[in-house]
Protein backbone atom coordinates (compact mmCIF):
# COMPACT_ATOMS: atom_id res chain seq x y z
CA MET A 1 17.48 -7.84 -3.74
CA LYS A 2 15.13 -6.95 -0.94
CA LYS A 3 11.91 -5.79 -2.53
CA ARG A 4 10.72 -2.33 -1.55
CA LEU A 5 7.52 -1.41 0.13
CA THR A 6 5.43 1.28 -1.51
CA THR A 7 4.71 4.37 0.49
CA LEU A 8 2.40 6.65 -1.14
CA GLY A 9 3.55 9.22 1.38
CA ALA A 10 7.08 9.59 0.10
CA ALA A 11 6.12 9.01 -3.50
CA LEU A 12 3.25 11.48 -3.27
CA GLY A 13 1.16 9.12 -5.32
CA VAL A 14 -1.06 6.07 -5.07
CA SER A 15 -1.62 2.60 -6.31
CA ALA A 16 -3.45 -0.35 -4.85
CA LEU A 17 -2.71 -0.12 -1.18
CA LEU A 18 0.87 0.89 -1.85
CA LEU A 19 3.44 2.65 0.24
CA SER A 20 7.18 3.44 -0.97
CA ALA A 21 9.75 2.34 1.57
CA CYS A 22 12.55 -0.06 2.26
CA GLY A 23 11.13 -3.55 2.52
CA GLY A 24 12.28 -4.58 5.94
CA SER A 25 12.49 -3.99 9.65
CA GLY A 26 15.11 -1.53 10.76
CA GLY A 27 16.44 -3.28 13.84
CA ASP A 28 15.89 -6.92 12.91
CA GLY A 29 18.45 -7.65 10.24
CA GLY A 30 17.83 -11.37 10.00
CA ASN A 31 14.17 -11.27 9.13
CA GLY A 32 14.21 -9.41 5.84
CA ALA A 33 11.08 -7.81 4.48
CA GLY A 34 8.88 -9.74 6.79
CA GLY A 35 10.13 -7.89 9.84
CA LYS A 36 9.83 -10.00 12.96
CA ASP A 37 7.44 -12.39 11.19
CA GLY A 38 9.43 -12.98 8.01
CA GLY A 39 8.73 -16.43 6.63
CA GLY A 40 6.33 -17.24 9.46
CA SER A 41 3.20 -19.31 9.62
CA PRO A 42 0.04 -18.53 7.61
CA VAL A 43 -2.01 -15.53 8.70
CA GLU A 44 -5.56 -14.41 8.02
CA VAL A 45 -6.24 -11.59 5.58
CA SER A 46 -9.93 -10.83 6.04
CA GLY A 47 -10.82 -14.50 5.90
CA THR A 48 -8.26 -15.44 3.24
CA LYS A 49 -5.39 -17.70 4.19
CA ALA A 50 -2.19 -15.92 3.26
CA SER A 51 1.39 -16.91 3.91
CA ASP A 52 3.47 -14.21 5.55
CA THR A 53 5.75 -12.01 3.48
CA TYR A 54 8.91 -13.10 1.65
CA GLU A 55 12.43 -12.85 2.94
CA GLY A 56 14.77 -10.56 1.04
CA GLN A 57 18.45 -9.71 0.79
CA GLU A 58 20.10 -6.31 1.00
CA GLY A 59 21.70 -4.77 -2.08
CA GLY A 60 22.00 -6.07 -5.61
CA GLU A 61 20.19 -5.13 -8.80
CA VAL A 62 16.92 -5.99 -10.51
CA THR A 63 17.04 -6.55 -14.27
CA PHE A 64 13.99 -7.26 -16.42
CA ALA A 65 12.78 -6.79 -19.98
CA GLY A 66 10.23 -4.07 -20.53
CA CYS A 67 9.23 -0.98 -22.46
CA ASN A 68 9.84 2.72 -21.92
CA PRO A 69 7.62 4.26 -19.19
CA GLN A 70 5.43 7.10 -20.45
CA ASP A 71 4.77 8.75 -17.08
CA LEU A 72 6.63 9.68 -13.93
CA LEU A 73 7.45 6.59 -11.87
CA ILE A 74 5.08 7.68 -9.11
CA PRO A 75 2.24 5.25 -8.37
CA GLY A 76 -0.46 7.92 -8.46
CA PHE A 77 0.59 9.09 -11.90
CA THR A 78 1.39 5.76 -13.55
CA GLN A 79 -1.49 4.16 -15.44
CA GLU A 80 0.22 2.44 -18.34
CA THR A 81 1.87 -0.96 -18.60
CA CYS A 82 5.49 0.10 -19.08
CA GLY A 83 5.67 2.24 -15.96
CA GLY A 84 3.48 -0.17 -14.05
CA ASP A 85 5.88 -3.05 -14.75
CA VAL A 86 8.77 -1.05 -13.30
CA LEU A 87 6.85 -0.07 -10.19
CA ASP A 88 5.58 -3.62 -9.68
CA SER A 89 9.17 -4.88 -9.69
CA ILE A 90 10.46 -2.51 -7.00
CA LEU A 91 7.47 -1.58 -4.85
CA VAL A 92 5.17 -3.53 -2.59
CA GLY A 93 2.47 -2.39 -0.17
CA LEU A 94 0.12 -3.63 2.51
CA THR A 95 -0.44 -6.90 0.68
CA GLU A 96 0.89 -8.64 -2.40
CA VAL A 97 0.18 -11.74 -4.46
CA ASP A 98 2.25 -14.82 -3.72
CA PRO A 99 3.60 -15.80 -7.17
CA SER A 100 3.73 -19.48 -6.24
CA THR A 101 0.09 -19.75 -5.15
CA GLY A 102 -1.66 -16.75 -6.72
CA LYS A 103 -3.14 -15.93 -3.31
CA PRO A 104 -2.81 -12.69 -1.32
CA ARG A 105 -0.30 -12.48 1.51
CA LEU A 106 0.58 -9.75 3.96
CA ALA A 107 3.53 -7.50 3.15
CA ASN A 108 3.84 -4.22 5.09
CA ALA A 109 0.59 -5.01 6.89
CA GLU A 110 0.93 -6.94 10.13
CA SER A 111 -2.80 -7.54 9.94
CA ILE A 112 -5.95 -6.30 8.19
CA GLU A 113 -9.19 -6.83 10.10
CA ALA A 114 -12.66 -6.14 8.68
CA ASN A 115 -15.91 -5.56 10.54
CA ASP A 116 -18.89 -7.85 9.94
CA ASP A 117 -20.24 -5.97 6.92
CA ASN A 118 -16.86 -5.19 5.31
CA THR A 119 -17.21 -1.41 5.57
CA MET A 120 -14.51 -0.75 8.19
CA PHE A 121 -10.95 -2.05 7.99
CA THR A 122 -8.30 -1.79 10.69
CA VAL A 123 -4.76 -1.96 9.32
CA LYS A 124 -1.76 -2.61 11.57
CA LEU A 125 1.69 -2.10 10.08
CA LYS A 126 4.95 -3.94 10.53
CA ASP A 127 8.05 -2.07 11.64
CA TRP A 128 9.41 -1.15 8.22
CA LYS A 129 11.40 1.90 7.18
CA PHE A 130 11.90 4.13 4.16
CA ASP A 131 15.24 4.08 2.35
CA ASP A 132 16.32 7.14 4.33
CA GLY A 133 15.78 5.31 7.60
CA SER A 134 12.59 7.10 8.64
CA PRO A 135 9.72 4.87 9.81
CA VAL A 136 6.74 3.93 7.66
CA THR A 137 3.75 4.99 9.73
CA ALA A 138 -0.02 5.01 9.55
CA LYS A 139 0.20 8.72 8.77
CA SER A 140 2.40 7.91 5.76
CA TYR A 141 -0.44 5.91 4.23
CA VAL A 142 -3.27 8.23 5.20
CA ASP A 143 -1.49 11.36 3.95
CA ALA A 144 -0.52 9.67 0.70
CA TRP A 145 -3.98 8.29 -0.03
CA ASN A 146 -5.56 11.66 0.70
CA TRP A 147 -3.06 13.29 -1.64
CA GLY A 148 -3.80 10.82 -4.42
CA ALA A 149 -7.57 11.21 -4.11
CA ASN A 150 -7.54 15.00 -3.95
CA GLY A 151 -8.61 16.52 -7.25
CA ALA A 152 -6.38 19.54 -6.74
CA ASN A 153 -3.29 17.34 -7.16
CA GLY A 154 -4.23 15.90 -10.54
CA ALA A 155 -3.13 12.31 -9.90
CA LYS A 156 -4.08 10.08 -12.82
CA GLN A 157 -4.96 7.19 -10.50
CA GLN A 158 -7.30 9.33 -8.41
CA ALA A 159 -10.33 7.14 -9.20
CA PHE A 160 -8.72 4.17 -7.45
CA PHE A 161 -10.00 5.54 -4.14
CA GLY A 162 -13.56 5.95 -5.39
CA PRO A 163 -16.60 3.79 -6.19
CA GLY A 164 -15.82 0.44 -7.78
CA PHE A 165 -12.35 0.30 -6.23
CA LEU A 166 -11.40 1.19 -2.64
CA ASP A 167 -14.55 3.31 -2.29
CA VAL A 168 -13.24 5.32 0.68
CA LYS A 169 -15.94 7.30 2.46
CA GLY A 170 -15.75 10.99 1.57
CA TYR A 171 -13.94 10.40 -1.73
CA ASP A 172 -16.49 12.29 -3.85
CA LYS A 173 -16.02 15.58 -2.02
CA VAL A 174 -12.24 15.34 -2.03
CA ALA A 175 -12.11 14.31 -5.69
CA GLU A 176 -13.84 17.54 -6.70
CA SER A 177 -11.98 19.75 -4.25
CA LYS A 178 -9.67 22.60 -5.23
CA ASP A 179 -8.25 22.62 -1.71
CA LYS A 180 -5.05 20.56 -1.56
CA GLY A 181 -5.56 20.14 2.17
CA ALA A 182 -8.94 18.40 1.83
CA THR A 183 -9.04 14.86 3.24
CA MET A 184 -11.36 11.85 3.08
CA GLU A 185 -13.45 11.29 6.20
CA GLY A 186 -13.05 7.53 5.87
CA LEU A 187 -9.33 7.56 6.73
CA LYS A 188 -8.28 7.82 10.37
CA VAL A 189 -4.89 7.45 12.07
CA VAL A 190 -5.24 5.45 15.30
CA ASP A 191 -1.58 5.37 16.34
CA ASP A 192 1.85 5.27 14.68
CA LYS A 193 1.30 1.78 13.28
CA THR A 194 -2.49 1.59 12.97
CA PHE A 195 -5.06 3.27 10.74
CA THR A 196 -8.66 2.61 9.77
CA VAL A 197 -10.40 2.78 6.42
CA GLU A 198 -14.17 3.23 6.24
CA THR A 199 -15.78 2.55 2.88
CA THR A 200 -19.05 3.88 1.49
CA ASN A 201 -20.23 0.40 0.52
CA ALA A 202 -19.23 -3.13 1.50
CA ASN A 203 -15.87 -4.09 0.00
CA SER A 204 -15.04 -7.77 0.37
CA LEU A 205 -11.97 -7.42 -1.87
CA PHE A 206 -10.29 -4.61 0.08
CA GLU A 207 -7.25 -6.64 1.11
CA THR A 208 -6.50 -7.74 -2.46
CA MET A 209 -6.63 -4.32 -4.14
């Protein structure tokens, strides 16, 4: 089965750099989840060598042993093991961990580039699509992360965007907001496939979260 990319936009929730979409390029059937780069040579993820994303196959089923989820299967609301195991088996985001090496590798991200002090990250996306055929865009991520961080929405994983985790600039104001339209100043859409993330403090682990 081709693993699915997480889009916090469609799921209206959040989890470590996730986005919920179909894991693959729309017009490049032979390259699986890796889009045009599926199975390619190693790439750099903010200074970490990471092999490019897996190849997948269309269709099929995923079967695994687990327990009964206690929350909605939406990343931003799931904070217990049972639901997390289900989401981990069907969703993937900007990066993932290569099970054979234990090292991070790019998934939906074509590249993640950090500035010298690790407070600004430029994320470029591969040409992946949601299950309904619509494109996964930079706006999908930015809208979803803002939704998850906004206190008015009550997402249980809200703190993931704050200090000690992603630490997105402007999180504190949005976390306490009662305005569902409030957004974090650290998130900016550059173009359809590019967005930037500015953090309050240096974050050398951004690409692994």
